[in-house]
Amino acid sequence: MRRQLITGLMMTLSMVVLLGLVYPLAMTGIAQGLMSRQANGSFVKDNGHVVGSSLIGQNFLLRSGAPDPRYFQPRPSAAGTGYDAMSSGGSNLGPSSTELISDVAKRVAAYRALNGLPAKASVPVDAVTASSSGLDPDISVANAKLQAPRVARARNIPVSQVLALVDAHTDSHSLGILGEKTVNVLDLNLALDRTS
C-alpha cells in the first residue's frame, strides 16, 4: 500500500512539473520565437502608442456615442458594451427570433441614415449582424465601399482617394481560397488619418 501511495505521489508531482511548468514554458518559447507578434496580441501601434489589436474590432465614436462619420464603422458587436474581449460571444439569437429581426431592422435603418443611402438600398449583411465572437475586426469590401462616400465627405477628400485606400487595405481570401475578401477597419482608419 505504501509503495502505491509513493508511486502515485511521484507520478502526480512529475505531471505537475511536466504539464504545469515544462510544457507551458516550451510553448511560450516556441510562440515567442516563431510568431511573437501574434503571441503578444497582434497589437497595432501608431506613433509608438498601442491603439488596438488587428484581431479585435473597436468602435469609432464621437463623444456623444454616435458613430464618427470620418471613420469606417465596424460590424455590430454582441460582446458586452461593444468589442469587450472579456465578454466575447454572439447573441445566440436564431433567424426566427423577433428580437434579432427587430435589431437587424433598426441597424439597417441606422446604416442607411449614417451613409446617406436611399430607403430601399441593399445593405451588406455584415453591416447589420454581429459575428459569432462579437469581436470581428474586419468588414466586407462591399460594406467598406458603401461607407467610402460618407468618409470622403466628412474628411473633404475625393471618394476615389478613399476607395484607393480601401483597395490597398483589402485582405485576400483566407489561405487564398476560403471566405471572402475583407478590410481590417482599424488598419484602414489609421491609413485615413495618415493621408488626411
C-alpha atoms as a PDB file:
ATOM      1  CA  MET A   1       0.000   0.000   0.000  1.00  0.00           C
ATOM      2  CA  ARG A   2       2.785   2.414   0.928  1.00  0.00           C
ATOM      3  CA  ARG A   3       4.569   1.682  -2.350  1.00  0.00           C
ATOM      4  CA  GLN A   4       1.395   2.535  -4.324  1.00  0.00           C
ATOM      5  CA  LEU A   5       0.969   5.836  -2.473  1.00  0.00           C
ATOM      6  CA  ILE A   6       4.574   6.829  -3.134  1.00  0.00           C
ATOM      7  CA  THR A   7       4.237   5.840  -6.816  1.00  0.00           C
ATOM      8  CA  GLY A   8       1.003   7.854  -7.121  1.00  0.00           C
ATOM      9  CA  LEU A   9       2.554  10.880  -5.389  1.00  0.00           C
ATOM     10  CA  MET A  10       5.674  10.746  -7.582  1.00  0.00           C
ATOM     11  CA  MET A  11       3.535  10.449 -10.714  1.00  0.00           C
ATOM     12  CA  THR A  12       1.416  13.427  -9.626  1.00  0.00           C
ATOM     13  CA  LEU A  13       4.492  15.565  -8.894  1.00  0.00           C
ATOM     14  CA  SER A  14       6.149  14.640 -12.176  1.00  0.00           C
ATOM     15  CA  MET A  15       2.952  15.514 -14.137  1.00  0.00           C
ATOM     16  CA  VAL A  16       2.661  18.838 -12.293  1.00  0.00           C
ATOM     17  CA  VAL A  17       6.237  19.709 -13.232  1.00  0.00           C
ATOM     18  CA  LEU A  18       5.906  18.407 -16.813  1.00  0.00           C
ATOM     19  CA  LEU A  19       2.465  19.802 -17.642  1.00  0.00           C
ATOM     20  CA  GLY A  20       2.416  22.783 -15.286  1.00  0.00           C
ATOM     21  CA  LEU A  21       5.917  24.121 -15.910  1.00  0.00           C
ATOM     22  CA  VAL A  22       7.877  22.484 -18.714  1.00  0.00           C
ATOM     23  CA  TYR A  23       5.093  22.330 -21.315  1.00  0.00           C
ATOM     24  CA  PRO A  24       3.821  25.943 -20.834  1.00  0.00           C
ATOM     25  CA  LEU A  25       7.380  27.319 -20.862  1.00  0.00           C
ATOM     26  CA  ALA A  26       8.231  25.326 -24.007  1.00  0.00           C
ATOM     27  CA  MET A  27       5.061  26.531 -25.808  1.00  0.00           C
ATOM     28  CA  THR A  28       5.707  30.135 -24.744  1.00  0.00           C
ATOM     29  CA  GLY A  29       9.275  29.905 -26.000  1.00  0.00           C
ATOM     30  CA  ILE A  30       8.188  28.422 -29.341  1.00  0.00           C
ATOM     31  CA  ALA A  31       5.435  31.039 -29.770  1.00  0.00           C
ATOM     32  CA  GLN A  32       7.815  33.907 -28.950  1.00  0.00           C
ATOM     33  CA  GLY A  33      10.463  32.504 -31.274  1.00  0.00           C
ATOM     34  CA  LEU A  34       8.243  31.752 -34.283  1.00  0.00           C
ATOM     35  CA  MET A  35       5.406  34.278 -34.087  1.00  0.00           C
ATOM     36  CA  SER A  36       5.980  36.791 -31.336  1.00  0.00           C
ATOM     37  CA  ARG A  37       3.662  39.453 -32.820  1.00  0.00           C
ATOM     38  CA  GLN A  38       0.681  37.097 -32.787  1.00  0.00           C
ATOM     39  CA  ALA A  39       1.595  35.584 -29.409  1.00  0.00           C
ATOM     40  CA  ASN A  40       1.704  39.056 -27.869  1.00  0.00           C
ATOM     41  CA  GLY A  41      -1.784  40.049 -29.065  1.00  0.00           C
ATOM     42  CA  SER A  42      -1.173  41.433 -32.572  1.00  0.00           C
ATOM     43  CA  PHE A  43      -1.044  44.981 -31.218  1.00  0.00           C
ATOM     44  CA  VAL A  44      -1.257  47.851 -33.686  1.00  0.00           C
ATOM     45  CA  LYS A  45       0.890  50.885 -32.905  1.00  0.00           C
ATOM     46  CA  ASP A  46       0.561  54.426 -34.193  1.00  0.00           C
ATOM     47  CA  ASN A  47       3.359  56.886 -33.370  1.00  0.00           C
ATOM     48  CA  GLY A  48       4.747  54.389 -30.847  1.00  0.00           C
ATOM     49  CA  HIS A  49       1.459  54.047 -28.947  1.00  0.00           C
ATOM     50  CA  VAL A  50      -0.730  50.943 -28.955  1.00  0.00           C
ATOM     51  CA  VAL A  51      -4.079  51.890 -30.498  1.00  0.00           C
ATOM     52  CA  GLY A  52      -5.664  48.452 -30.702  1.00  0.00           C
ATOM     53  CA  SER A  53      -5.262  44.922 -31.954  1.00  0.00           C
ATOM     54  CA  SER A  54      -5.577  43.724 -35.526  1.00  0.00           C
ATOM     55  CA  LEU A  55      -7.559  40.762 -34.149  1.00  0.00           C
ATOM     56  CA  ILE A  56     -10.186  42.634 -32.101  1.00  0.00           C
ATOM     57  CA  GLY A  57     -12.573  45.210 -33.515  1.00  0.00           C
ATOM     58  CA  GLN A  58     -13.294  48.532 -31.876  1.00  0.00           C
ATOM     59  CA  ASN A  59     -15.815  51.315 -32.201  1.00  0.00           C
ATOM     60  CA  PHE A  60     -15.047  54.703 -33.749  1.00  0.00           C
ATOM     61  CA  LEU A  61     -17.438  57.054 -31.985  1.00  0.00           C
ATOM     62  CA  LEU A  62     -17.934  60.727 -31.281  1.00  0.00           C
ATOM     63  CA  ARG A  63     -18.000  61.873 -27.652  1.00  0.00           C
ATOM     64  CA  SER A  64     -21.805  61.727 -27.838  1.00  0.00           C
ATOM     65  CA  GLY A  65     -21.604  57.988 -28.542  1.00  0.00           C
ATOM     66  CA  ALA A  66     -22.774  58.365 -32.156  1.00  0.00           C
ATOM     67  CA  PRO A  67     -20.675  56.837 -34.968  1.00  0.00           C
ATOM     68  CA  ASP A  68     -17.919  59.189 -36.126  1.00  0.00           C
ATOM     69  CA  PRO A  69     -18.648  59.909 -39.817  1.00  0.00           C
ATOM     70  CA  ARG A  70     -14.933  60.491 -40.516  1.00  0.00           C
ATOM     71  CA  TYR A  71     -14.168  56.813 -39.878  1.00  0.00           C
ATOM     72  CA  PHE A  72     -15.230  53.490 -41.314  1.00  0.00           C
ATOM     73  CA  GLN A  73     -17.504  51.718 -38.884  1.00  0.00           C
ATOM     74  CA  PRO A  74     -17.066  48.066 -37.869  1.00  0.00           C
ATOM     75  CA  ARG A  75     -19.775  45.465 -37.862  1.00  0.00           C
ATOM     76  CA  PRO A  76     -22.028  45.398 -34.792  1.00  0.00           C
ATOM     77  CA  SER A  77     -20.728  43.647 -31.685  1.00  0.00           C
ATOM     78  CA  ALA A  78     -22.627  41.413 -29.281  1.00  0.00           C
ATOM     79  CA  ALA A  79     -19.668  41.351 -26.861  1.00  0.00           C
ATOM     80  CA  GLY A  80     -20.595  43.337 -23.778  1.00  0.00           C
ATOM     81  CA  THR A  81     -20.980  47.038 -24.483  1.00  0.00           C
ATOM     82  CA  GLY A  82     -19.132  46.598 -27.770  1.00  0.00           C
ATOM     83  CA  TYR A  83     -15.917  44.763 -28.568  1.00  0.00           C
ATOM     84  CA  ASP A  84     -15.301  43.801 -24.938  1.00  0.00           C
ATOM     85  CA  ALA A  85     -12.893  40.850 -25.222  1.00  0.00           C
ATOM     86  CA  MET A  86     -13.866  39.724 -21.713  1.00  0.00           C
ATOM     87  CA  SER A  87     -17.465  39.250 -22.938  1.00  0.00           C
ATOM     88  CA  SER A  88     -16.716  37.575 -26.262  1.00  0.00           C
ATOM     89  CA  GLY A  89     -19.615  35.696 -27.764  1.00  0.00           C
ATOM     90  CA  GLY A  90     -22.546  36.010 -30.068  1.00  0.00           C
ATOM     91  CA  SER A  91     -26.091  36.855 -29.111  1.00  0.00           C
ATOM     92  CA  ASN A  92     -27.227  33.266 -29.801  1.00  0.00           C
ATOM     93  CA  LEU A  93     -30.418  34.639 -31.351  1.00  0.00           C
ATOM     94  CA  GLY A  94     -31.715  32.476 -34.189  1.00  0.00           C
ATOM     95  CA  PRO A  95     -33.229  33.562 -37.514  1.00  0.00           C
ATOM     96  CA  SER A  96     -36.769  33.221 -36.148  1.00  0.00           C
ATOM     97  CA  SER A  97     -36.040  35.410 -33.109  1.00  0.00           C
ATOM     98  CA  THR A  98     -38.254  38.509 -33.070  1.00  0.00           C
ATOM     99  CA  GLU A  99     -35.540  40.322 -31.079  1.00  0.00           C
ATOM    100  CA  LEU A 100     -32.943  39.613 -33.790  1.00  0.00           C
ATOM    101  CA  ILE A 101     -35.329  40.626 -36.577  1.00  0.00           C
ATOM    102  CA  SER A 102     -36.104  43.873 -34.755  1.00  0.00           C
ATOM    103  CA  ASP A 103     -32.411  44.595 -34.029  1.00  0.00           C
ATOM    104  CA  VAL A 104     -31.422  43.986 -37.659  1.00  0.00           C
ATOM    105  CA  ALA A 105     -34.236  46.241 -38.932  1.00  0.00           C
ATOM    106  CA  LYS A 106     -33.039  49.052 -36.615  1.00  0.00           C
ATOM    107  CA  ARG A 107     -29.430  48.535 -37.706  1.00  0.00           C
ATOM    108  CA  VAL A 108     -30.425  48.621 -41.397  1.00  0.00           C
ATOM    109  CA  ALA A 109     -32.242  51.933 -40.890  1.00  0.00           C
ATOM    110  CA  ALA A 110     -29.317  53.389 -38.912  1.00  0.00           C
ATOM    111  CA  TYR A 111     -26.777  52.221 -41.530  1.00  0.00           C
ATOM    112  CA  ARG A 112     -28.781  53.775 -44.366  1.00  0.00           C
ATOM    113  CA  ALA A 113     -29.182  57.041 -42.425  1.00  0.00           C
ATOM    114  CA  LEU A 114     -25.482  57.260 -41.478  1.00  0.00           C
ATOM    115  CA  ASN A 115     -24.324  56.588 -45.032  1.00  0.00           C
ATOM    116  CA  GLY A 116     -26.996  58.668 -46.808  1.00  0.00           C
ATOM    117  CA  LEU A 117     -28.443  55.669 -48.645  1.00  0.00           C
ATOM    118  CA  PRO A 118     -31.973  55.502 -50.086  1.00  0.00           C
ATOM    119  CA  ALA A 119     -34.645  53.724 -48.033  1.00  0.00           C
ATOM    120  CA  LYS A 120     -34.638  50.670 -50.313  1.00  0.00           C
ATOM    121  CA  ALA A 121     -30.847  50.390 -50.770  1.00  0.00           C
ATOM    122  CA  SER A 122     -29.337  46.952 -50.148  1.00  0.00           C
ATOM    123  CA  VAL A 123     -27.199  46.728 -47.038  1.00  0.00           C
ATOM    124  CA  PRO A 124     -24.393  44.144 -46.628  1.00  0.00           C
ATOM    125  CA  VAL A 125     -25.246  41.517 -44.048  1.00  0.00           C
ATOM    126  CA  ASP A 126     -22.031  42.148 -42.096  1.00  0.00           C
ATOM    127  CA  ALA A 127     -23.090  45.767 -41.572  1.00  0.00           C
ATOM    128  CA  VAL A 128     -26.140  44.762 -39.539  1.00  0.00           C
ATOM    129  CA  THR A 129     -25.259  41.438 -37.875  1.00  0.00           C
ATOM    130  CA  ALA A 130     -22.671  40.641 -35.218  1.00  0.00           C
ATOM    131  CA  SER A 131     -20.083  37.930 -35.716  1.00  0.00           C
ATOM    132  CA  SER A 132     -20.140  34.783 -33.596  1.00  0.00           C
ATOM    133  CA  SER A 133     -17.319  36.109 -31.401  1.00  0.00           C
ATOM    134  CA  GLY A 134     -18.629  39.675 -31.308  1.00  0.00           C
ATOM    135  CA  LEU A 135     -15.043  40.868 -31.840  1.00  0.00           C
ATOM    136  CA  ASP A 136     -14.621  40.726 -35.622  1.00  0.00           C
ATOM    137  CA  PRO A 137     -12.141  43.444 -36.732  1.00  0.00           C
ATOM    138  CA  ASP A 138     -12.991  43.111 -40.430  1.00  0.00           C
ATOM    139  CA  ILE A 139     -15.799  44.205 -42.730  1.00  0.00           C
ATOM    140  CA  SER A 140     -16.632  43.099 -46.241  1.00  0.00           C
ATOM    141  CA  VAL A 141     -15.344  45.033 -49.229  1.00  0.00           C
ATOM    142  CA  ALA A 142     -18.961  45.841 -50.178  1.00  0.00           C
ATOM    143  CA  ASN A 143     -19.539  47.335 -46.716  1.00  0.00           C
ATOM    144  CA  ALA A 144     -16.370  49.433 -46.979  1.00  0.00           C
ATOM    145  CA  LYS A 145     -17.286  50.710 -50.453  1.00  0.00           C
ATOM    146  CA  LEU A 146     -20.748  51.794 -49.264  1.00  0.00           C
ATOM    147  CA  GLN A 147     -19.167  53.741 -46.393  1.00  0.00           C
ATOM    148  CA  ALA A 148     -16.478  55.377 -48.586  1.00  0.00           C
ATOM    149  CA  PRO A 149     -18.599  58.313 -49.862  1.00  0.00           C
ATOM    150  CA  ARG A 150     -19.588  59.297 -46.292  1.00  0.00           C
ATOM    151  CA  VAL A 151     -15.981  59.148 -45.111  1.00  0.00           C
ATOM    152  CA  ALA A 152     -14.842  61.198 -48.128  1.00  0.00           C
ATOM    153  CA  ARG A 153     -17.500  63.875 -47.463  1.00  0.00           C
ATOM    154  CA  ALA A 154     -16.662  64.058 -43.755  1.00  0.00           C
ATOM    155  CA  ARG A 155     -12.938  64.427 -44.499  1.00  0.00           C
ATOM    156  CA  ASN A 156     -13.416  66.648 -47.552  1.00  0.00           C
ATOM    157  CA  ILE A 157     -11.302  64.402 -49.786  1.00  0.00           C
ATOM    158  CA  PRO A 158     -12.128  62.723 -53.120  1.00  0.00           C
ATOM    159  CA  VAL A 159     -14.079  59.457 -52.986  1.00  0.00           C
ATOM    160  CA  SER A 160     -11.525  57.966 -55.379  1.00  0.00           C
ATOM    161  CA  GLN A 161      -8.792  58.526 -52.781  1.00  0.00           C
ATOM    162  CA  VAL A 162     -10.832  56.739 -50.099  1.00  0.00           C
ATOM    163  CA  LEU A 163     -11.662  53.870 -52.460  1.00  0.00           C
ATOM    164  CA  ALA A 164      -7.963  53.537 -53.327  1.00  0.00           C
ATOM    165  CA  LEU A 165      -7.236  53.149 -49.596  1.00  0.00           C
ATOM    166  CA  VAL A 166      -9.975  50.505 -49.341  1.00  0.00           C
ATOM    167  CA  ASP A 167      -8.379  48.596 -52.225  1.00  0.00           C
ATOM    168  CA  ALA A 168      -4.908  48.929 -50.683  1.00  0.00           C
ATOM    169  CA  HIS A 169      -6.159  47.551 -47.349  1.00  0.00           C
ATOM    170  CA  THR A 170      -8.240  44.689 -48.732  1.00  0.00           C
ATOM    171  CA  ASP A 171      -7.050  41.312 -47.465  1.00  0.00           C
ATOM    172  CA  SER A 172      -7.356  38.317 -49.759  1.00  0.00           C
ATOM    173  CA  HIS A 173      -9.232  35.111 -49.026  1.00  0.00           C
ATOM    174  CA  SER A 174      -8.022  33.050 -46.057  1.00  0.00           C
ATOM    175  CA  LEU A 175      -5.471  30.531 -47.328  1.00  0.00           C
ATOM    176  CA  GLY A 176      -6.075  32.004 -50.772  1.00  0.00           C
ATOM    177  CA  ILE A 177      -9.466  30.269 -51.245  1.00  0.00           C
ATOM    178  CA  LEU A 178     -11.619  30.431 -48.101  1.00  0.00           C
ATOM    179  CA  GLY A 179     -14.237  33.067 -47.374  1.00  0.00           C
ATOM    180  CA  GLU A 180     -14.484  36.484 -48.922  1.00  0.00           C
ATOM    181  CA  LYS A 181     -12.064  39.378 -49.143  1.00  0.00           C
ATOM    182  CA  THR A 182     -12.171  41.632 -46.092  1.00  0.00           C
ATOM    183  CA  VAL A 183     -10.951  45.010 -44.878  1.00  0.00           C
ATOM    184  CA  ASN A 184      -9.465  45.493 -41.405  1.00  0.00           C
ATOM    185  CA  VAL A 185     -11.271  48.577 -40.066  1.00  0.00           C
ATOM    186  CA  LEU A 186      -8.520  49.722 -37.683  1.00  0.00           C
ATOM    187  CA  ASP A 187      -5.793  49.488 -40.347  1.00  0.00           C
ATOM    188  CA  LEU A 188      -7.957  51.365 -42.854  1.00  0.00           C
ATOM    189  CA  ASN A 189      -8.857  54.116 -40.383  1.00  0.00           C
ATOM    190  CA  LEU A 190      -5.213  54.585 -39.400  1.00  0.00           C
ATOM    191  CA  ALA A 191      -4.293  54.888 -43.091  1.00  0.00           C
ATOM    192  CA  LEU A 192      -7.023  57.524 -43.465  1.00  0.00           C
ATOM    193  CA  ASP A 193      -5.586  59.519 -40.568  1.00  0.00           C
ATOM    194  CA  ARG A 194      -2.128  59.397 -42.138  1.00  0.00           C
ATOM    195  CA  THR A 195      -3.366  60.699 -45.518  1.00  0.00           C
ATOM    196  CA  SER A 196      -5.784  63.442 -44.493  1.00  0.00           C
END
